[in-house]
Amino acid sequence: MSKNSDASNLSRRKFLAAAGTVAAANSFVAGKAVLSADGTSQATPAPSSMSYLVTIKVDPNSTTNLFCYSAQDQNGNNVPMPGNSLTVNVGDTVEWTSSIKGGHKHLAKVRFTTTSPFSRNVFKWSENHRDGDKVQLTLFEEHYYCVGISDKDAGDVHADDPKIIVGGRGLKAKIDQAESELHVVKDKIGSVIELLEKAGKEAKKDGKDSSS
C-alpha cells in the first residue's frame, strides 16, 4: 500500500469521526433519538395524550351554583377545574356531557366564541349523550366558550361561560423552544466545523510526513 493511500485513509477516518459528532449532536438536540447502553438508537417517547370528560350539572333551584362543573380523565381520576377552567395539552381529547337536577330532558350546546382549540367551534348533545373533539395546535393558550342548556321539561334556558386553557404546548411555546434549540445547534455546528478543519490540517501534515 502506498504512503498516499495511508494518508488518505487516515484523513477519511478523522472525517468520519467528526461527522459522527455532528450526527450525535443533532440527535440529542432534536430529542428524536438517543443511544442506549448497547449502542442502538432509540426514539424519545412522545408525551401521552389524555382524554377528559367534562360533566355539566345544572340545578335550576340554586341561586348561587346554577352550574357545577367536574372533569375526569380516561382512568376515572378526578381532574381539577379551578374557576370552571380545564387545562389540557395539544393531542388531548375533551368531551362534554350534562344533566339537569330532577332528570329533565334537555339539549346542550358548547360554542367557542372567538378562538377554538378544536377543528370546530360548536358541540351539541342531549341527555345521556356527549360530544367533543381532539385539541389542536393554535396561536392562543386560552379559549373561552359559552354553555347553553335548554330544559325541555321546564321550558327554561340556562347559560354560562367558562374557558379552556391549552397549557404547555401552544404555538408560542413551540417557537421559543425551536429558537432555543437552533442556538444550540449553531454552537454544535461551529464546534464540529472546527474539528473538521483541524482534522483536515492534521491529515495534510500526516501526508507530508509520510511522503518525506
C-alpha atoms as a PDB file:
ATOM      1  CA  MET A   1       0.000   0.000   0.000  1.00  0.00           C
ATOM      2  CA  SER A   2       1.380   3.473  -0.895  1.00  0.00           C
ATOM      3  CA  LYS A   3       2.085   6.279   1.530  1.00  0.00           C
ATOM      4  CA  ASN A   4      -0.505   8.483  -0.187  1.00  0.00           C
ATOM      5  CA  SER A   5      -3.143   5.779   0.331  1.00  0.00           C
ATOM      6  CA  ASP A   6      -2.286   5.561   4.052  1.00  0.00           C
ATOM      7  CA  ALA A   7      -2.642   9.333   4.392  1.00  0.00           C
ATOM      8  CA  SER A   8      -5.979   9.232   2.554  1.00  0.00           C
ATOM      9  CA  ASN A   9      -7.315   6.522   4.871  1.00  0.00           C
ATOM     10  CA  LEU A  10      -6.196   8.494   7.931  1.00  0.00           C
ATOM     11  CA  SER A  11      -7.928  11.618   6.636  1.00  0.00           C
ATOM     12  CA  ARG A  12     -11.109   9.631   5.952  1.00  0.00           C
ATOM     13  CA  ARG A  13     -11.149   8.170   9.473  1.00  0.00           C
ATOM     14  CA  LYS A  14     -10.819  11.630  11.028  1.00  0.00           C
ATOM     15  CA  PHE A  15     -13.548  12.999   8.785  1.00  0.00           C
ATOM     16  CA  LEU A  16     -15.925  10.171   9.736  1.00  0.00           C
ATOM     17  CA  ALA A  17     -15.190  10.712  13.426  1.00  0.00           C
ATOM     18  CA  ALA A  18     -16.043  14.406  13.114  1.00  0.00           C
ATOM     19  CA  ALA A  19     -19.145  13.662  11.042  1.00  0.00           C
ATOM     20  CA  GLY A  20     -20.240  11.226  13.732  1.00  0.00           C
ATOM     21  CA  THR A  21     -20.028  14.071  16.220  1.00  0.00           C
ATOM     22  CA  VAL A  22     -22.420  16.082  14.011  1.00  0.00           C
ATOM     23  CA  ALA A  23     -24.935  13.225  13.919  1.00  0.00           C
ATOM     24  CA  ALA A  24     -24.763  12.658  17.670  1.00  0.00           C
ATOM     25  CA  ALA A  25     -25.166  16.364  18.432  1.00  0.00           C
ATOM     26  CA  ASN A  26     -28.160  16.603  16.115  1.00  0.00           C
ATOM     27  CA  SER A  27     -29.868  13.590  17.709  1.00  0.00           C
ATOM     28  CA  PHE A  28     -29.549  14.890  21.259  1.00  0.00           C
ATOM     29  CA  VAL A  29     -30.558  18.459  20.416  1.00  0.00           C
ATOM     30  CA  ALA A  30     -33.639  17.448  18.438  1.00  0.00           C
ATOM     31  CA  GLY A  31     -34.672  14.979  21.127  1.00  0.00           C
ATOM     32  CA  LYS A  32     -35.587  12.437  18.467  1.00  0.00           C
ATOM     33  CA  ALA A  33     -33.165   9.662  19.268  1.00  0.00           C
ATOM     34  CA  VAL A  34     -30.667   8.672  21.930  1.00  0.00           C
ATOM     35  CA  LEU A  35     -28.165   5.851  22.159  1.00  0.00           C
ATOM     36  CA  SER A  36     -28.913   3.026  24.564  1.00  0.00           C
ATOM     37  CA  ALA A  37     -26.286   1.104  26.528  1.00  0.00           C
ATOM     38  CA  ASP A  38     -25.850  -1.383  23.683  1.00  0.00           C
ATOM     39  CA  GLY A  39     -25.262   1.429  21.163  1.00  0.00           C
ATOM     40  CA  THR A  40     -28.609   1.146  19.362  1.00  0.00           C
ATOM     41  CA  SER A  41     -30.728   4.198  18.593  1.00  0.00           C
ATOM     42  CA  GLN A  42     -33.990   4.595  20.494  1.00  0.00           C
ATOM     43  CA  ALA A  43     -36.713   7.148  19.813  1.00  0.00           C
ATOM     44  CA  THR A  44     -37.641   9.513  22.627  1.00  0.00           C
ATOM     45  CA  PRO A  45     -41.241   8.681  23.655  1.00  0.00           C
ATOM     46  CA  ALA A  46     -43.820  11.339  22.798  1.00  0.00           C
ATOM     47  CA  PRO A  47     -45.923  12.799  25.628  1.00  0.00           C
ATOM     48  CA  SER A  48     -49.013  10.656  26.332  1.00  0.00           C
ATOM     49  CA  SER A  49     -52.316  12.137  25.205  1.00  0.00           C
ATOM     50  CA  MET A  50     -55.157  12.280  27.695  1.00  0.00           C
ATOM     51  CA  SER A  51     -58.949  12.050  27.382  1.00  0.00           C
ATOM     52  CA  TYR A  52     -61.208  14.186  29.542  1.00  0.00           C
ATOM     53  CA  LEU A  53     -64.955  14.076  30.145  1.00  0.00           C
ATOM     54  CA  VAL A  54     -66.415  17.320  31.470  1.00  0.00           C
ATOM     55  CA  THR A  55     -69.769  16.887  33.206  1.00  0.00           C
ATOM     56  CA  ILE A  56     -72.012  19.948  33.466  1.00  0.00           C
ATOM     57  CA  LYS A  57     -74.698  19.710  36.151  1.00  0.00           C
ATOM     58  CA  VAL A  58     -77.490  22.255  36.320  1.00  0.00           C
ATOM     59  CA  ASP A  59     -79.558  22.914  39.450  1.00  0.00           C
ATOM     60  CA  PRO A  60     -82.431  25.244  38.458  1.00  0.00           C
ATOM     61  CA  ASN A  61     -83.387  25.757  42.121  1.00  0.00           C
ATOM     62  CA  SER A  62     -79.954  27.044  43.181  1.00  0.00           C
ATOM     63  CA  THR A  63     -79.423  30.783  43.475  1.00  0.00           C
ATOM     64  CA  THR A  64     -75.615  30.543  43.912  1.00  0.00           C
ATOM     65  CA  ASN A  65     -74.475  27.479  41.961  1.00  0.00           C
ATOM     66  CA  LEU A  66     -76.706  27.108  38.940  1.00  0.00           C
ATOM     67  CA  PHE A  67     -73.862  25.372  37.071  1.00  0.00           C
ATOM     68  CA  CYS A  68     -71.480  22.811  38.535  1.00  0.00           C
ATOM     69  CA  TYR A  69     -68.515  21.505  36.508  1.00  0.00           C
ATOM     70  CA  SER A  70     -66.440  18.388  37.099  1.00  0.00           C
ATOM     71  CA  ALA A  71     -63.932  16.501  34.952  1.00  0.00           C
ATOM     72  CA  GLN A  72     -62.473  13.011  34.876  1.00  0.00           C
ATOM     73  CA  ASP A  73     -59.674  11.517  32.798  1.00  0.00           C
ATOM     74  CA  GLN A  74     -59.824   8.227  30.889  1.00  0.00           C
ATOM     75  CA  ASN A  75     -58.838   6.359  34.051  1.00  0.00           C
ATOM     76  CA  GLY A  76     -61.712   7.770  36.075  1.00  0.00           C
ATOM     77  CA  ASN A  77     -59.497  10.140  38.069  1.00  0.00           C
ATOM     78  CA  ASN A  78     -60.950  13.491  39.058  1.00  0.00           C
ATOM     79  CA  VAL A  79     -59.276  16.447  37.323  1.00  0.00           C
ATOM     80  CA  PRO A  80     -59.202  19.901  38.943  1.00  0.00           C
ATOM     81  CA  MET A  81     -61.165  22.681  37.242  1.00  0.00           C
ATOM     82  CA  PRO A  82     -60.269  25.930  39.049  1.00  0.00           C
ATOM     83  CA  GLY A  83     -62.670  28.671  38.050  1.00  0.00           C
ATOM     84  CA  ASN A  84     -64.509  26.110  35.869  1.00  0.00           C
ATOM     85  CA  SER A  85     -61.484  26.028  33.544  1.00  0.00           C
ATOM     86  CA  LEU A  86     -59.843  22.867  32.254  1.00  0.00           C
ATOM     87  CA  THR A  87     -56.132  22.781  31.402  1.00  0.00           C
ATOM     88  CA  VAL A  88     -55.300  20.462  28.501  1.00  0.00           C
ATOM     89  CA  ASN A  89     -52.498  19.838  26.012  1.00  0.00           C
ATOM     90  CA  VAL A  90     -52.369  19.526  22.250  1.00  0.00           C
ATOM     91  CA  GLY A  91     -53.411  15.983  21.292  1.00  0.00           C
ATOM     92  CA  ASP A  92     -55.736  15.525  24.270  1.00  0.00           C
ATOM     93  CA  THR A  93     -59.423  14.751  23.741  1.00  0.00           C
ATOM     94  CA  VAL A  94     -62.175  16.693  25.528  1.00  0.00           C
ATOM     95  CA  GLU A  95     -65.835  15.694  25.637  1.00  0.00           C
ATOM     96  CA  TRP A  96     -68.833  17.242  27.376  1.00  0.00           C
ATOM     97  CA  THR A  97     -71.959  15.720  28.864  1.00  0.00           C
ATOM     98  CA  SER A  98     -74.657  17.213  31.082  1.00  0.00           C
ATOM     99  CA  SER A  99     -77.576  16.633  33.443  1.00  0.00           C
ATOM    100  CA  ILE A 100     -80.352  18.707  34.995  1.00  0.00           C
ATOM    101  CA  LYS A 101     -81.446  18.074  38.557  1.00  0.00           C
ATOM    102  CA  GLY A 102     -84.637  16.033  38.507  1.00  0.00           C
ATOM    103  CA  GLY A 103     -83.584  14.154  35.354  1.00  0.00           C
ATOM    104  CA  HIS A 104     -85.111  16.685  32.972  1.00  0.00           C
ATOM    105  CA  LYS A 105     -84.716  16.073  29.252  1.00  0.00           C
ATOM    106  CA  HIS A 106     -82.637  18.753  27.600  1.00  0.00           C
ATOM    107  CA  LEU A 107     -80.484  19.883  24.710  1.00  0.00           C
ATOM    108  CA  ALA A 108     -76.985  21.214  25.378  1.00  0.00           C
ATOM    109  CA  LYS A 109     -74.519  23.231  23.352  1.00  0.00           C
ATOM    110  CA  VAL A 110     -70.945  24.408  23.782  1.00  0.00           C
ATOM    111  CA  ARG A 111     -69.866  27.227  21.468  1.00  0.00           C
ATOM    112  CA  PHE A 112     -66.375  28.725  21.383  1.00  0.00           C
ATOM    113  CA  THR A 113     -66.814  32.462  20.994  1.00  0.00           C
ATOM    114  CA  THR A 114     -63.647  33.776  19.291  1.00  0.00           C
ATOM    115  CA  THR A 115     -60.995  31.041  19.107  1.00  0.00           C
ATOM    116  CA  SER A 116     -61.277  27.271  19.347  1.00  0.00           C
ATOM    117  CA  PRO A 117     -58.611  24.663  20.123  1.00  0.00           C
ATOM    118  CA  PHE A 118     -60.622  22.148  18.110  1.00  0.00           C
ATOM    119  CA  SER A 119     -61.391  21.597  14.427  1.00  0.00           C
ATOM    120  CA  ARG A 120     -64.866  23.074  15.056  1.00  0.00           C
ATOM    121  CA  ASN A 121     -66.269  25.619  17.475  1.00  0.00           C
ATOM    122  CA  VAL A 122     -69.706  24.150  18.275  1.00  0.00           C
ATOM    123  CA  PHE A 123     -70.612  20.921  20.094  1.00  0.00           C
ATOM    124  CA  LYS A 124     -74.152  19.649  20.668  1.00  0.00           C
ATOM    125  CA  TRP A 125     -75.668  16.762  22.601  1.00  0.00           C
ATOM    126  CA  SER A 126     -78.772  15.690  24.529  1.00  0.00           C
ATOM    127  CA  GLU A 127     -79.258  13.940  27.879  1.00  0.00           C
ATOM    128  CA  ASN A 128     -77.218  10.725  28.294  1.00  0.00           C
ATOM    129  CA  HIS A 129     -75.024  11.662  25.312  1.00  0.00           C
ATOM    130  CA  ARG A 130     -71.756  13.516  24.812  1.00  0.00           C
ATOM    131  CA  ASP A 131     -69.798  15.418  22.185  1.00  0.00           C
ATOM    132  CA  GLY A 132     -66.177  16.523  21.862  1.00  0.00           C
ATOM    133  CA  ASP A 133     -63.011  16.556  19.794  1.00  0.00           C
ATOM    134  CA  LYS A 134     -59.207  16.418  19.910  1.00  0.00           C
ATOM    135  CA  VAL A 135     -57.212  19.518  20.939  1.00  0.00           C
ATOM    136  CA  GLN A 136     -55.201  21.030  18.085  1.00  0.00           C
ATOM    137  CA  LEU A 137     -52.236  23.408  17.964  1.00  0.00           C
ATOM    138  CA  THR A 138     -53.346  27.057  17.986  1.00  0.00           C
ATOM    139  CA  LEU A 139     -51.884  30.554  18.285  1.00  0.00           C
ATOM    140  CA  PHE A 140     -53.562  31.051  21.667  1.00  0.00           C
ATOM    141  CA  GLU A 141     -53.481  29.282  25.010  1.00  0.00           C
ATOM    142  CA  GLU A 142     -56.835  30.415  26.439  1.00  0.00           C
ATOM    143  CA  HIS A 143     -60.130  29.696  24.683  1.00  0.00           C
ATOM    144  CA  TYR A 144     -63.471  30.913  26.013  1.00  0.00           C
ATOM    145  CA  TYR A 145     -66.720  29.115  25.334  1.00  0.00           C
ATOM    146  CA  CYS A 146     -70.385  29.536  26.182  1.00  0.00           C
ATOM    147  CA  VAL A 147     -72.626  26.793  27.521  1.00  0.00           C
ATOM    148  CA  GLY A 148     -76.324  26.751  26.711  1.00  0.00           C
ATOM    149  CA  ILE A 149     -78.692  24.137  28.138  1.00  0.00           C
ATOM    150  CA  SER A 150     -82.328  24.078  27.107  1.00  0.00           C
ATOM    151  CA  ASP A 151     -84.604  22.347  29.617  1.00  0.00           C
ATOM    152  CA  LYS A 152     -87.296  20.578  27.567  1.00  0.00           C
ATOM    153  CA  ASP A 153     -89.450  19.770  30.579  1.00  0.00           C
ATOM    154  CA  ALA A 154     -89.437  23.195  32.252  1.00  0.00           C
ATOM    155  CA  GLY A 155     -89.026  25.267  29.095  1.00  0.00           C
ATOM    156  CA  ASP A 156     -86.072  27.183  30.556  1.00  0.00           C
ATOM    157  CA  VAL A 157     -82.686  28.029  29.031  1.00  0.00           C
ATOM    158  CA  HIS A 158     -79.547  28.236  31.189  1.00  0.00           C
ATOM    159  CA  ALA A 159     -76.245  29.787  30.079  1.00  0.00           C
ATOM    160  CA  ASP A 160     -72.676  30.057  31.371  1.00  0.00           C
ATOM    161  CA  ASP A 161     -69.211  30.984  30.029  1.00  0.00           C
ATOM    162  CA  PRO A 162     -66.210  29.023  31.368  1.00  0.00           C
ATOM    163  CA  LYS A 163     -62.947  28.624  29.420  1.00  0.00           C
ATOM    164  CA  ILE A 164     -60.388  26.031  28.326  1.00  0.00           C
ATOM    165  CA  ILE A 165     -56.661  26.643  28.823  1.00  0.00           C
ATOM    166  CA  VAL A 166     -54.330  24.848  26.435  1.00  0.00           C
ATOM    167  CA  GLY A 167     -51.210  24.504  28.536  1.00  0.00           C
ATOM    168  CA  GLY A 168     -47.549  23.979  27.806  1.00  0.00           C
ATOM    169  CA  ARG A 169     -47.542  23.270  24.102  1.00  0.00           C
ATOM    170  CA  GLY A 170     -49.066  26.299  22.416  1.00  0.00           C
ATOM    171  CA  LEU A 171     -47.543  27.651  19.214  1.00  0.00           C
ATOM    172  CA  LYS A 172     -45.576  30.384  21.022  1.00  0.00           C
ATOM    173  CA  ALA A 173     -44.031  27.795  23.326  1.00  0.00           C
ATOM    174  CA  LYS A 174     -43.018  25.721  20.309  1.00  0.00           C
ATOM    175  CA  ILE A 175     -41.443  28.736  18.578  1.00  0.00           C
ATOM    176  CA  ASP A 176     -39.486  29.659  21.722  1.00  0.00           C
ATOM    177  CA  GLN A 177     -38.282  26.085  22.084  1.00  0.00           C
ATOM    178  CA  ALA A 178     -37.290  25.894  18.408  1.00  0.00           C
ATOM    179  CA  GLU A 179     -35.293  29.141  18.658  1.00  0.00           C
ATOM    180  CA  SER A 180     -33.507  27.881  21.758  1.00  0.00           C
ATOM    181  CA  GLU A 181     -32.657  24.568  20.067  1.00  0.00           C
ATOM    182  CA  LEU A 182     -31.470  26.428  16.953  1.00  0.00           C
ATOM    183  CA  HIS A 183     -28.902  28.356  19.005  1.00  0.00           C
ATOM    184  CA  VAL A 184     -27.653  25.091  20.497  1.00  0.00           C
ATOM    185  CA  VAL A 185     -27.397  23.513  17.025  1.00  0.00           C
ATOM    186  CA  LYS A 186     -25.453  26.514  15.706  1.00  0.00           C
ATOM    187  CA  ASP A 187     -22.985  26.206  18.578  1.00  0.00           C
ATOM    188  CA  LYS A 188     -22.596  22.472  17.917  1.00  0.00           C
ATOM    189  CA  ILE A 189     -22.090  23.048  14.184  1.00  0.00           C
ATOM    190  CA  GLY A 190     -19.419  25.659  14.916  1.00  0.00           C
ATOM    191  CA  SER A 191     -17.575  23.183  17.139  1.00  0.00           C
ATOM    192  CA  VAL A 192     -17.836  20.432  14.522  1.00  0.00           C
ATOM    193  CA  ILE A 193     -16.520  22.736  11.763  1.00  0.00           C
ATOM    194  CA  GLU A 194     -13.503  23.451  13.920  1.00  0.00           C
ATOM    195  CA  LEU A 195     -12.982  19.702  14.384  1.00  0.00           C
ATOM    196  CA  LEU A 196     -13.229  19.111  10.633  1.00  0.00           C
ATOM    197  CA  GLU A 197     -10.759  21.894   9.856  1.00  0.00           C
ATOM    198  CA  LYS A 198      -8.364  20.556  12.484  1.00  0.00           C
ATOM    199  CA  ALA A 199      -8.724  17.019  11.103  1.00  0.00           C
ATOM    200  CA  GLY A 200      -8.015  18.297   7.589  1.00  0.00           C
ATOM    201  CA  LYS A 201      -4.863  20.129   8.695  1.00  0.00           C
ATOM    202  CA  GLU A 202      -3.631  17.091  10.613  1.00  0.00           C
ATOM    203  CA  ALA A 203      -4.320  14.838   7.634  1.00  0.00           C
ATOM    204  CA  LYS A 204      -2.283  17.113   5.358  1.00  0.00           C
ATOM    205  CA  LYS A 205       0.508  17.194   7.912  1.00  0.00           C
ATOM    206  CA  ASP A 206       0.460  13.387   8.225  1.00  0.00           C
ATOM    207  CA  GLY A 207       0.549  13.090   4.449  1.00  0.00           C
ATOM    208  CA  LYS A 208       3.600  15.337   4.186  1.00  0.00           C
ATOM    209  CA  ASP A 209       5.343  13.455   6.994  1.00  0.00           C
ATOM    210  CA  SER A 210       4.604  10.113   5.298  1.00  0.00           C
ATOM    211  CA  SER A 211       5.964  11.273   1.920  1.00  0.00           C
ATOM    212  CA  SER A 212       9.198  12.659   3.381  1.00  0.00           C
END
